[in-house]
Amino acid sequence: MEQTRAHDALDDTRVLAGILRATLREAARLDLPLPLVTCPPRQDVQFAPQPPKTPCAYRNPGRADAGGPLVQGMKIAITGETATSRAELVARSVAAGLNVMSSVSRHTSALVTNEAGSGSAKARRAAAEGVPVIDEHTFLRLLGDVRAGTPHRGAAEGAGASGGAASVSGSAGSVSGGAAAVPGNAVAAPASTAVPVPAAAPSTPVAAVPAPRRPAPATTTGRPLAGRRVLILGGTHPAAAAARTRVVELGGSAAINLSRTVTDAVLLPGGEADRRLRRMPELGLPVHDEHWLNAPGTAAPGAAPGAAPGAASPAADASSPEREADRPPSPLVLPRGGVVDLPAPQHDAAPLWHITAAWAPQEAADIDVVAFVLDEDEQVTFDEDFVFYGAPENPAGTVRLLTDGPAEQTIAVDLASLPPGSRKVAVAAAIDGKATFGDVGAVQVTAVPGTGAAPLARATLDAATTERTLLLAEFYRRGPVWRFRAVGQGYDEGLANLARGYGVDIAD
């Protein structure tokens, strides 16, 4: 067999195949046995086929007891070489109702390994978290008698609950679960708007969930900016944040970028250089000075900075009937930590919900919006439930990264198609580089049902300083009702640490 391209992989393979064919032919002609050696399948994990992940139908009952039985729903991790192929171990575990994970966390029930002291990443994490270790022989024996577990509660359970009306709450609490495991300096929230936590799902089904509270009829008493959307121009980060907070206190919504829904602008020191200011006259938007937020009712809409009350042009009146007719319904304005129940679908097909994050365009920072599909332990079921720019859709297609723009990105979530074991979809943003969210400023988060519909809720997250990762918002189940929560929890560490906290296997 002639070699035409030395050291070329394809040509080397062709030559070796020709030599083997000639050798087999000559051996058969001479009736000579060849010293062929049977090669067993390699057990090295990096060469083993990866079986598809099957969502577990049972809740995690916790850690495995020493010498005790396995229970359906237990989270099992496997590391190191095993006599039984990895694919077979996984298949038998899944068939028995166990939840095989690709990484170890504090929620792992047991680690299966024949080399507990191997020093692998899983073994080190298991030792650090106190996760029980089971050898392969014991694990195979326990697989023969796995005890019945508790199935996940489906969305249809708790029929006594109603999901027809939206309600807002801002009860105090703190973020728990996977994100809390990520070290970092959390953004402190005021006591009245601290991030709430849904009550832990009980291990036994409950009869019903209280119906969502219906909001009181909207009034403008003490809310002079109700229905208005105000864009803040200029100012230092603390000053601009304080101005946006004041807008929300007055019943308005704080805008981040200039759009057709903006009704007013407030000019802080330094805002004169903002290029958007030049567009205000042609858009008919009123521009106010920084004192306007102290008593917005005393200045006529459209008054230029420093102008006397009543000096506004009628054409610039933001509350004119012409402008009101063009403006979509105002969404609920949520404080940081605020919660709203999602309305029940009005048609047979449930809407595809969108969480859109927007910020002022940045020149020295790239921002990525990501999502995690989480179970009741605030952990991903498998690594592919981490949705980001490199994997913009999870395997089930229920969560997708739709828009990947420099100042706005959108996550689409098909809540109706999520399996019962998926209890939450957390949406976060991360900065690539040395910049922080203090440099970026405010991030606006909007929840929108369907495509082209009016937003249900909007929140402006404005308290970041040194954080490089920001937990923006989440959809989570409360009995049969899905809720949307504006979070605004920040961490100094990068995205990798946040992902690890949610159980994603991130290489060091």
Protein backbone atom coordinates (compact mmCIF):
# COMPACT_ATOMS: atom_id res chain seq x y z
CA MET A 1 0.00 0.00 0.00
CA GLU A 2 1.60 3.22 -1.14
CA GLN A 3 1.57 6.21 1.13
CA THR A 4 0.95 9.47 -0.72
CA ARG A 5 0.85 12.00 2.16
CA ALA A 6 3.18 11.22 5.04
CA HIS A 7 2.01 12.19 8.55
CA ASP A 8 -1.50 12.85 7.23
CA ALA A 9 -4.06 11.22 9.56
CA LEU A 10 -6.48 10.22 6.81
CA ASP A 11 -3.74 8.82 4.58
CA ASP A 12 -2.14 6.94 7.52
CA THR A 13 -5.52 5.34 8.28
CA ARG A 14 -5.95 4.33 4.63
CA VAL A 15 -2.48 2.71 4.55
CA LEU A 16 -3.04 0.81 7.84
CA ALA A 17 -6.41 -0.45 6.62
CA GLY A 18 -4.74 -1.72 3.42
CA ILE A 19 -2.04 -3.49 5.43
CA LEU A 20 -4.68 -5.15 7.64
CA ARG A 21 -6.66 -6.34 4.60
CA ALA A 22 -3.52 -7.82 3.01
CA THR A 23 -2.53 -9.50 6.28
CA LEU A 24 -5.96 -11.09 6.73
CA ARG A 25 -5.94 -12.27 3.13
CA GLU A 26 -2.48 -13.90 3.44
CA ALA A 27 -3.37 -15.50 6.78
CA ALA A 28 -6.45 -17.06 5.25
CA ARG A 29 -4.47 -18.33 2.24
CA LEU A 30 -1.81 -19.92 4.45
CA ASP A 31 -4.36 -21.07 7.07
CA LEU A 32 -2.41 -19.30 9.82
CA PRO A 33 -4.11 -17.98 12.99
CA LEU A 34 -3.45 -14.32 13.78
CA PRO A 35 -2.70 -13.17 17.35
CA LEU A 36 -5.86 -11.04 17.62
CA VAL A 37 -6.59 -9.58 21.08
CA THR A 38 -10.11 -8.71 22.25
CA CYS A 39 -10.33 -5.10 23.43
CA PRO A 40 -12.92 -4.49 26.17
CA PRO A 41 -14.83 -1.21 26.06
CA ARG A 42 -12.95 1.65 27.70
CA GLN A 43 -14.35 2.71 31.05
CA ASP A 44 -12.73 6.12 31.03
CA VAL A 45 -15.56 8.61 31.60
CA GLN A 46 -14.39 10.94 28.85
CA PHE A 47 -14.81 8.16 26.29
CA ALA A 48 -18.05 6.73 27.68
CA PRO A 49 -21.28 7.50 25.81
CA GLN A 50 -23.45 10.02 27.64
CA PRO A 51 -26.99 8.66 28.02
CA PRO A 52 -29.79 11.20 27.63
CA LYS A 53 -30.99 12.77 30.86
CA THR A 54 -34.49 11.81 31.98
CA PRO A 55 -36.24 14.24 34.35
CA CYS A 56 -36.97 12.54 37.65
CA ALA A 57 -40.64 12.25 38.62
CA TYR A 58 -39.97 12.25 42.36
CA ARG A 59 -38.98 14.81 44.95
CA ASN A 60 -35.56 14.59 46.56
CA PRO A 61 -36.00 12.92 49.98
CA GLY A 62 -32.55 14.03 51.16
CA ARG A 63 -29.34 12.22 52.06
CA ALA A 64 -28.96 8.45 51.99
CA ASP A 65 -28.54 6.90 55.45
CA ALA A 66 -25.50 4.72 56.11
CA GLY A 67 -26.61 1.14 55.48
CA GLY A 68 -30.13 2.32 54.71
CA PRO A 69 -32.17 1.87 51.53
CA LEU A 70 -32.29 4.17 48.53
CA VAL A 71 -35.50 6.16 47.98
CA GLN A 72 -36.95 7.30 44.67
CA GLY A 73 -35.99 10.88 43.93
CA MET A 74 -32.57 10.69 45.59
CA LYS A 75 -29.90 12.62 43.71
CA ILE A 76 -27.05 10.31 42.78
CA ALA A 77 -23.67 11.26 41.31
CA ILE A 78 -21.12 8.80 39.91
CA THR A 79 -17.38 9.30 39.58
CA GLY A 80 -14.34 7.23 38.65
CA GLU A 81 -14.02 3.88 36.90
CA THR A 82 -16.64 1.21 37.51
CA ALA A 83 -16.88 -2.46 36.50
CA THR A 84 -20.38 -1.80 35.17
CA SER A 85 -20.50 0.62 32.27
CA ARG A 86 -21.55 4.14 33.17
CA ALA A 87 -24.43 4.01 30.68
CA GLU A 88 -25.82 0.87 32.33
CA LEU A 89 -25.47 2.33 35.84
CA VAL A 90 -27.34 5.45 34.78
CA ALA A 91 -30.06 3.50 32.97
CA ARG A 92 -30.68 1.22 35.95
CA SER A 93 -30.72 4.15 38.34
CA VAL A 94 -33.22 6.10 36.25
CA ALA A 95 -35.43 3.03 35.86
CA ALA A 96 -35.48 2.71 39.65
CA GLY A 97 -36.65 6.31 40.04
CA LEU A 98 -33.35 7.88 41.10
CA ASN A 99 -32.15 11.27 39.85
CA VAL A 100 -28.65 10.93 38.36
CA MET A 101 -26.78 14.25 38.46
CA SER A 102 -23.66 15.32 36.61
CA SER A 103 -22.21 17.17 39.60
CA VAL A 104 -22.17 17.09 43.40
CA SER A 105 -23.84 19.73 45.57
CA ARG A 106 -25.12 20.02 49.10
CA HIS A 107 -28.37 18.45 47.84
CA THR A 108 -26.70 15.27 46.55
CA SER A 109 -28.03 12.17 48.32
CA ALA A 110 -25.03 9.92 47.65
CA LEU A 111 -21.87 9.65 45.56
CA VAL A 112 -21.15 6.30 43.91
CA THR A 113 -17.45 5.59 43.51
CA ASN A 114 -14.93 2.82 44.01
CA GLU A 115 -12.20 5.35 44.83
CA ALA A 116 -13.44 7.70 47.53
CA GLY A 117 -9.96 9.17 47.92
CA SER A 118 -9.34 9.66 44.20
CA GLY A 119 -9.23 13.43 44.52
CA SER A 120 -11.69 13.97 41.67
CA ALA A 121 -13.74 17.16 41.73
CA LYS A 122 -16.88 15.21 42.70
CA ALA A 123 -15.08 13.33 45.47
CA ARG A 124 -13.63 16.55 46.88
CA ARG A 125 -17.01 18.28 46.84
CA ALA A 126 -18.68 15.25 48.44
CA ALA A 127 -16.12 15.29 51.27
CA ALA A 128 -16.59 19.03 51.76
CA GLU A 129 -20.39 18.77 51.85
CA GLY A 130 -20.54 15.56 53.90
CA VAL A 131 -22.26 13.63 51.11
CA PRO A 132 -22.40 9.85 51.80
CA VAL A 133 -20.16 7.69 49.58
CA ILE A 134 -21.31 4.29 48.32
CA ASP A 135 -19.15 1.79 46.43
CA GLU A 136 -20.38 0.23 43.21
CA HIS A 137 -21.11 -3.22 44.67
CA THR A 138 -23.24 -1.77 47.48
CA PHE A 139 -25.02 0.56 45.09
CA LEU A 140 -25.97 -2.29 42.75
CA ARG A 141 -27.33 -4.25 45.72
CA LEU A 142 -29.38 -1.27 46.91
CA LEU A 143 -30.79 -0.77 43.39
CA GLY A 144 -32.66 -4.03 43.86
CA ASP A 145 -34.83 -2.56 46.63
CA VAL A 146 -35.43 1.16 46.04
CA ARG A 147 -38.23 2.47 48.27
CA ALA A 148 -41.18 4.45 46.92
CA GLY A 149 -40.75 8.22 46.82
CA THR A 150 -43.04 11.26 46.75
CA PRO A 151 -44.02 12.38 43.24
CA HIS A 152 -43.68 16.03 42.29
CA ARG A 153 -46.86 18.00 42.76
CA GLY A 154 -48.18 18.93 39.33
CA ALA A 155 -49.42 22.36 38.40
CA ALA A 156 -53.00 21.08 38.32
CA GLU A 157 -52.98 20.12 41.99
CA GLY A 158 -54.47 22.39 44.57
CA ALA A 159 -57.60 23.06 42.55
CA GLY A 160 -58.90 25.38 45.22
CA ALA A 161 -56.46 28.07 44.13
CA SER A 162 -57.34 30.70 41.60
CA GLY A 163 -54.91 32.20 39.11
CA GLY A 164 -57.18 34.59 37.33
CA ALA A 165 -56.07 37.94 38.73
CA ALA A 166 -52.73 39.55 39.26
CA SER A 167 -51.61 40.50 42.74
CA VAL A 168 -48.50 42.20 44.00
CA SER A 169 -46.61 41.63 47.22
CA GLY A 170 -43.32 42.80 48.58
CA SER A 171 -43.00 40.86 51.80
CA ALA A 172 -39.63 40.71 53.49
CA GLY A 173 -37.34 37.73 53.18
CA SER A 174 -34.06 36.68 51.64
CA VAL A 175 -32.88 34.76 48.60
CA SER A 176 -32.24 31.11 49.35
CA GLY A 177 -31.21 27.98 47.48
CA GLY A 178 -28.56 27.76 44.78
CA ALA A 179 -27.82 31.46 44.55
CA ALA A 180 -27.20 31.73 48.26
CA ALA A 181 -24.41 29.21 47.93
CA VAL A 182 -22.46 31.59 45.75
CA PRO A 183 -20.11 33.76 47.80
CA GLY A 184 -20.25 37.48 47.30
CA ASN A 185 -21.55 40.69 48.73
CA ALA A 186 -25.29 40.76 48.33
CA VAL A 187 -26.97 44.03 47.53
CA ALA A 188 -28.75 45.18 50.66
CA ALA A 189 -32.44 45.86 50.17
CA PRO A 190 -34.64 48.14 52.24
CA ALA A 191 -36.69 46.28 54.80
CA SER A 192 -39.90 47.06 52.95
CA THR A 193 -38.65 45.67 49.62
CA ALA A 194 -36.35 42.81 50.62
CA VAL A 195 -36.41 39.80 48.36
CA PRO A 196 -39.19 37.45 49.50
CA VAL A 197 -38.97 33.69 49.53
CA PRO A 198 -41.88 31.41 48.66
CA ALA A 199 -42.78 29.00 51.42
CA ALA A 200 -40.91 25.73 51.11
CA ALA A 201 -42.90 23.13 49.23
CA PRO A 202 -44.13 20.53 51.74
CA SER A 203 -43.17 16.89 51.38
CA THR A 204 -46.83 15.86 51.38
CA PRO A 205 -49.51 17.29 49.10
CA VAL A 206 -51.70 20.05 50.49
CA ALA A 207 -55.38 20.45 49.84
CA ALA A 208 -55.28 23.93 48.39
CA VAL A 209 -53.28 27.12 48.06
CA PRO A 210 -54.81 30.44 49.14
CA ALA A 211 -56.20 32.36 46.21
CA PRO A 212 -54.01 35.23 45.03
CA ARG A 213 -54.85 38.61 46.44
CA ARG A 214 -56.58 40.96 44.07
CA PRO A 215 -55.03 44.43 43.92
CA ALA A 216 -57.03 47.32 45.21
CA PRO A 217 -58.51 49.61 42.55
CA ALA A 218 -55.84 51.97 41.25
CA THR A 219 -56.00 55.51 42.59
CA THR A 220 -53.87 58.57 42.01
CA THR A 221 -54.03 59.74 45.62
CA GLY A 222 -50.42 60.22 46.69
CA ARG A 223 -49.33 58.89 43.28
CA PRO A 224 -49.08 61.93 41.00
CA LEU A 225 -46.92 60.03 38.49
CA ALA A 226 -49.31 57.08 38.11
CA GLY A 227 -49.26 55.97 34.48
CA ARG A 228 -46.16 58.06 33.69
CA ARG A 229 -42.78 56.67 32.62
CA VAL A 230 -39.86 58.93 33.48
CA LEU A 231 -36.37 58.85 31.97
CA ILE A 232 -33.55 60.20 34.15
CA LEU A 233 -30.73 61.95 32.27
CA GLY A 234 -27.31 62.64 33.79
CA GLY A 235 -26.37 62.64 37.46
CA THR A 236 -24.01 60.40 39.39
CA HIS A 237 -25.00 56.78 39.91
CA PRO A 238 -26.31 57.40 43.47
CA ALA A 239 -28.18 60.54 42.39
CA ALA A 240 -29.77 58.85 39.37
CA ALA A 241 -30.70 55.82 41.49
CA ALA A 242 -32.32 58.08 44.08
CA ALA A 243 -34.27 59.89 41.35
CA ARG A 244 -35.55 56.63 39.88
CA THR A 245 -36.55 55.45 43.36
CA ARG A 246 -38.47 58.70 43.83
CA VAL A 247 -40.28 58.16 40.51
CA VAL A 248 -41.50 54.75 41.71
CA GLU A 249 -42.52 56.19 45.10
CA LEU A 250 -44.70 58.71 43.23
CA GLY A 251 -46.45 55.92 41.34
CA GLY A 252 -44.51 56.16 38.09
CA SER A 253 -42.18 53.84 36.22
CA ALA A 254 -38.47 54.60 35.79
CA ALA A 255 -37.29 54.25 32.19
CA ILE A 256 -33.74 53.20 31.28
CA ASN A 257 -33.69 53.88 27.56
CA LEU A 258 -35.66 56.28 25.39
CA SER A 259 -38.70 54.58 23.82
CA ARG A 260 -42.21 55.50 22.75
CA THR A 261 -43.56 54.64 26.20
CA VAL A 262 -41.53 57.40 27.91
CA THR A 263 -43.74 60.31 29.00
CA ASP A 264 -41.30 62.60 30.86
CA ALA A 265 -37.60 63.24 31.34
CA VAL A 266 -35.76 64.64 34.35
CA LEU A 267 -32.45 66.41 33.77
CA LEU A 268 -29.81 66.01 36.50
CA PRO A 269 -26.42 67.78 36.50
CA GLY A 270 -24.33 66.50 33.59
CA GLY A 271 -27.36 65.38 31.58
CA GLU A 272 -26.94 68.26 29.14
CA ALA A 273 -24.36 66.15 27.27
CA ASP A 274 -26.77 63.23 26.81
CA ARG A 275 -27.52 62.86 23.10
CA ARG A 276 -31.07 61.79 23.87
CA LEU A 277 -31.85 65.28 25.15
CA ARG A 278 -31.77 66.61 21.57
CA ARG A 279 -34.62 64.27 20.60
CA MET A 280 -37.01 65.46 23.30
CA PRO A 281 -38.54 68.41 21.35
CA GLU A 282 -39.26 66.35 18.25
CA LEU A 283 -40.88 63.63 20.37
CA GLY A 284 -42.90 66.17 22.31
CA LEU A 285 -41.51 64.97 25.63
CA PRO A 286 -41.47 67.33 28.61
CA VAL A 287 -38.08 67.81 30.29
CA HIS A 288 -38.05 68.79 33.97
CA ASP A 289 -35.31 69.87 36.32
CA GLU A 290 -34.25 67.82 39.34
CA HIS A 291 -36.60 69.70 41.69
CA TRP A 292 -39.67 68.54 39.79
CA LEU A 293 -39.67 65.19 41.60
CA ASN A 294 -40.16 66.98 44.92
CA ALA A 295 -43.58 68.26 43.84
CA PRO A 296 -44.43 67.05 40.31
CA GLY A 297 -47.96 68.42 40.58
CA THR A 298 -46.78 72.02 40.71
CA ALA A 299 -45.11 72.07 37.29
CA ALA A 300 -47.02 71.70 34.08
CA PRO A 301 -45.93 68.79 31.92
CA GLY A 302 -43.57 69.92 29.22
CA ALA A 303 -41.88 72.63 31.25
CA ALA A 304 -38.26 73.04 30.27
CA PRO A 305 -35.62 72.93 33.01
CA GLY A 306 -35.92 76.05 35.12
CA ALA A 307 -39.04 77.28 33.36
CA ALA A 308 -41.83 78.77 35.38
CA PRO A 309 -44.89 76.62 36.07
CA GLY A 310 -47.38 76.82 33.24
CA ALA A 311 -44.76 77.64 30.61
CA ALA A 312 -45.16 74.33 28.82
CA SER A 313 -46.29 74.17 25.24
CA PRO A 314 -49.62 72.36 24.76
CA ALA A 315 -47.99 70.32 22.02
CA ALA A 316 -45.59 68.87 24.55
CA ASP A 317 -48.24 67.87 27.06
CA ALA A 318 -47.45 64.23 27.89
CA SER A 319 -50.98 63.66 29.17
CA SER A 320 -52.75 64.88 26.03
CA PRO A 321 -55.47 62.58 24.64
CA GLU A 322 -53.47 62.02 21.47
CA ARG A 323 -50.48 60.64 23.36
CA GLU A 324 -52.66 58.63 25.76
CA ALA A 325 -54.39 56.92 22.85
CA ASP A 326 -51.06 55.74 21.45
CA ARG A 327 -49.71 54.51 24.77
CA PRO A 328 -50.15 50.82 25.77
CA PRO A 329 -51.63 50.00 29.19
CA SER A 330 -49.24 50.74 32.03
CA PRO A 331 -47.65 47.63 33.59
CA LEU A 332 -47.50 47.04 37.32
CA VAL A 333 -44.40 48.69 38.75
CA LEU A 334 -42.70 46.25 41.13
CA PRO A 335 -40.21 47.26 43.79
CA ARG A 336 -37.11 45.19 44.28
CA GLY A 337 -38.46 41.94 45.76
CA GLY A 338 -42.00 42.60 44.52
CA VAL A 339 -44.12 39.64 43.40
CA VAL A 340 -47.08 39.34 41.05
CA ASP A 341 -49.25 36.30 40.32
CA LEU A 342 -49.42 35.51 36.62
CA PRO A 343 -52.98 35.52 35.27
CA ALA A 344 -54.52 32.26 34.15
CA PRO A 345 -54.51 31.75 30.35
CA GLN A 346 -57.61 33.18 28.69
CA HIS A 347 -57.40 30.69 25.83
CA ASP A 348 -56.59 27.01 25.41
CA ALA A 349 -52.94 27.74 24.63
CA ALA A 350 -50.96 29.33 27.47
CA PRO A 351 -48.81 32.30 26.42
CA LEU A 352 -45.08 32.12 26.05
CA TRP A 353 -43.75 34.44 28.76
CA HIS A 354 -40.82 36.76 28.11
CA ILE A 355 -38.44 38.34 30.60
CA THR A 356 -36.62 41.23 28.96
CA ALA A 357 -33.64 42.96 30.59
CA ALA A 358 -32.49 46.35 29.32
CA TRP A 359 -29.72 48.76 30.31
CA ALA A 360 -28.02 51.85 28.97
CA PRO A 361 -25.64 51.02 26.08
CA GLN A 362 -22.14 50.24 27.33
CA GLU A 363 -18.82 50.80 25.57
CA ALA A 364 -16.48 49.00 27.99
CA ALA A 365 -18.65 46.10 29.19
CA ASP A 366 -20.36 43.10 27.60
CA ILE A 367 -23.44 41.88 29.46
CA ASP A 368 -24.98 38.43 29.02
CA VAL A 369 -28.44 37.40 30.22
CA VAL A 370 -28.76 33.74 31.25
CA ALA A 371 -31.43 31.45 32.74
CA PHE A 372 -31.53 28.39 34.99
CA VAL A 373 -34.39 25.86 35.15
CA LEU A 374 -34.44 24.73 38.79
CA ASP A 375 -36.08 22.06 40.92
CA GLU A 376 -37.37 22.39 44.49
CA ASP A 377 -33.77 22.29 45.76
CA GLU A 378 -32.85 25.32 43.59
CA GLN A 379 -30.69 23.01 41.44
CA VAL A 380 -30.64 22.31 37.71
CA THR A 381 -31.81 18.83 36.77
CA PHE A 382 -28.93 18.59 34.33
CA ASP A 383 -26.28 20.96 33.01
CA GLU A 384 -28.23 21.67 29.82
CA ASP A 385 -30.88 23.47 31.88
CA PHE A 386 -28.38 26.33 32.08
CA VAL A 387 -29.34 28.57 29.12
CA PHE A 388 -26.78 31.11 27.92
CA TYR A 389 -25.27 32.51 24.72
CA GLY A 390 -23.29 29.29 24.10
CA ALA A 391 -26.38 27.09 24.61
CA PRO A 392 -29.36 29.35 23.89
CA GLU A 393 -32.03 26.68 24.44
CA ASN A 394 -32.52 23.86 26.94
CA PRO A 395 -33.12 20.34 25.55
CA ALA A 396 -36.89 20.48 26.06
CA GLY A 397 -37.11 23.84 24.28
CA THR A 398 -39.06 25.32 27.19
CA VAL A 399 -36.53 28.08 27.93
CA ARG A 400 -34.73 30.04 25.20
CA LEU A 401 -32.49 33.05 24.84
CA LEU A 402 -34.23 35.05 22.12
CA THR A 403 -32.53 38.42 21.86
CA ASP A 404 -28.78 38.83 22.21
CA GLY A 405 -28.33 42.57 21.83
CA PRO A 406 -25.81 44.95 23.39
CA ALA A 407 -28.40 46.79 25.51
CA GLU A 408 -31.40 44.45 25.67
CA GLN A 409 -31.81 40.67 25.87
CA THR A 410 -34.87 38.45 26.28
CA ILE A 411 -35.51 35.03 27.80
CA ALA A 412 -38.63 33.18 26.59
CA VAL A 413 -40.23 30.65 28.95
CA ASP A 414 -42.97 28.14 28.11
CA LEU A 415 -44.31 27.74 31.65
CA ALA A 416 -47.15 25.43 30.61
CA SER A 417 -44.70 22.87 29.18
CA LEU A 418 -42.27 22.72 32.10
CA PRO A 419 -42.33 19.34 33.88
CA PRO A 420 -43.79 19.24 37.43
CA GLY A 421 -40.29 18.89 38.87
CA SER A 422 -39.26 22.30 37.49
CA ARG A 423 -40.28 24.74 40.21
CA LYS A 424 -38.48 27.90 39.15
CA VAL A 425 -36.82 29.66 36.21
CA ALA A 426 -34.18 32.13 37.44
CA VAL A 427 -32.90 34.84 35.09
CA ALA A 428 -29.56 36.55 35.76
CA ALA A 429 -27.11 38.88 34.06
CA ALA A 430 -23.32 38.72 34.12
CA ILE A 431 -20.57 41.10 33.04
CA ASP A 432 -17.60 39.80 31.08
CA GLY A 433 -14.53 41.78 32.07
CA LYS A 434 -13.53 44.07 34.92
CA ALA A 435 -16.60 46.33 34.86
CA THR A 436 -19.30 46.02 37.51
CA PHE A 437 -23.02 46.65 37.58
CA GLY A 438 -22.25 49.83 39.48
CA ASP A 439 -20.63 51.05 36.26
CA VAL A 440 -23.62 49.91 34.20
CA GLY A 441 -26.24 51.59 36.37
CA ALA A 442 -29.89 50.62 36.41
CA VAL A 443 -31.18 47.43 34.78
CA GLN A 444 -34.84 47.30 33.82
CA VAL A 445 -36.69 43.96 33.87
CA THR A 446 -40.06 43.45 32.18
CA ALA A 447 -42.42 40.45 32.18
CA VAL A 448 -44.54 40.15 29.02
CA PRO A 449 -47.11 37.48 28.12
CA GLY A 450 -47.04 36.30 24.53
CA THR A 451 -45.69 38.28 21.58
CA GLY A 452 -46.57 41.92 21.10
CA ALA A 453 -48.71 42.05 24.25
CA ALA A 454 -48.59 44.80 26.84
CA PRO A 455 -46.15 44.11 29.71
CA LEU A 456 -47.64 42.69 32.89
CA ALA A 457 -44.96 44.00 35.26
CA ARG A 458 -41.79 46.07 35.22
CA ALA A 459 -39.03 46.66 37.77
CA THR A 460 -35.95 48.88 37.81
CA LEU A 461 -33.01 47.31 39.65
CA ASP A 462 -30.73 50.13 40.67
CA ALA A 463 -28.79 49.19 43.83
CA ALA A 464 -25.69 47.49 42.39
CA THR A 465 -22.16 48.69 43.20
CA THR A 466 -19.28 46.18 42.91
CA GLU A 467 -21.26 43.19 41.66
CA ARG A 468 -20.36 41.32 38.47
CA THR A 469 -23.36 38.98 38.52
CA LEU A 470 -26.94 40.07 39.14
CA LEU A 471 -29.93 37.81 39.76
CA LEU A 472 -32.64 39.77 37.94
CA ALA A 473 -35.97 37.98 38.21
CA GLU A 474 -37.65 34.62 38.38
CA PHE A 475 -40.82 32.71 37.58
CA TYR A 476 -41.70 30.27 40.35
CA ARG A 477 -44.56 27.96 41.24
CA ARG A 478 -46.76 28.56 44.26
CA GLY A 479 -49.12 25.59 44.22
CA PRO A 480 -50.94 25.73 40.87
CA VAL A 481 -50.07 29.41 40.35
CA TRP A 482 -46.98 30.77 38.63
CA ARG A 483 -45.54 34.00 40.02
CA PHE A 484 -43.08 36.58 38.74
CA ARG A 485 -40.64 38.16 41.17
CA ALA A 486 -38.20 41.03 40.66
CA VAL A 487 -35.08 40.02 42.60
CA GLY A 488 -32.06 42.32 42.18
CA GLN A 489 -29.58 40.21 44.18
CA GLY A 490 -25.93 40.79 43.27
CA TYR A 491 -22.65 38.90 43.70
CA ASP A 492 -19.06 40.05 43.30
CA GLU A 493 -17.99 36.73 41.74
CA GLY A 494 -18.55 35.88 38.09
CA LEU A 495 -21.14 33.76 36.32
CA ALA A 496 -19.26 30.48 36.87
CA ASN A 497 -19.75 30.66 40.63
CA LEU A 498 -23.45 31.43 40.28
CA ALA A 499 -23.85 28.47 37.92
CA ARG A 500 -22.00 26.16 40.32
CA GLY A 501 -24.31 27.28 43.11
CA TYR A 502 -27.24 26.12 41.01
CA GLY A 503 -25.59 22.71 40.47
CA VAL A 504 -24.12 23.24 37.00
CA ASP A 505 -20.88 21.30 36.46
CA ILE A 506 -18.46 24.09 35.49
CA ALA A 507 -14.87 23.09 34.71
CA ASP A 508 -12.25 24.86 36.84
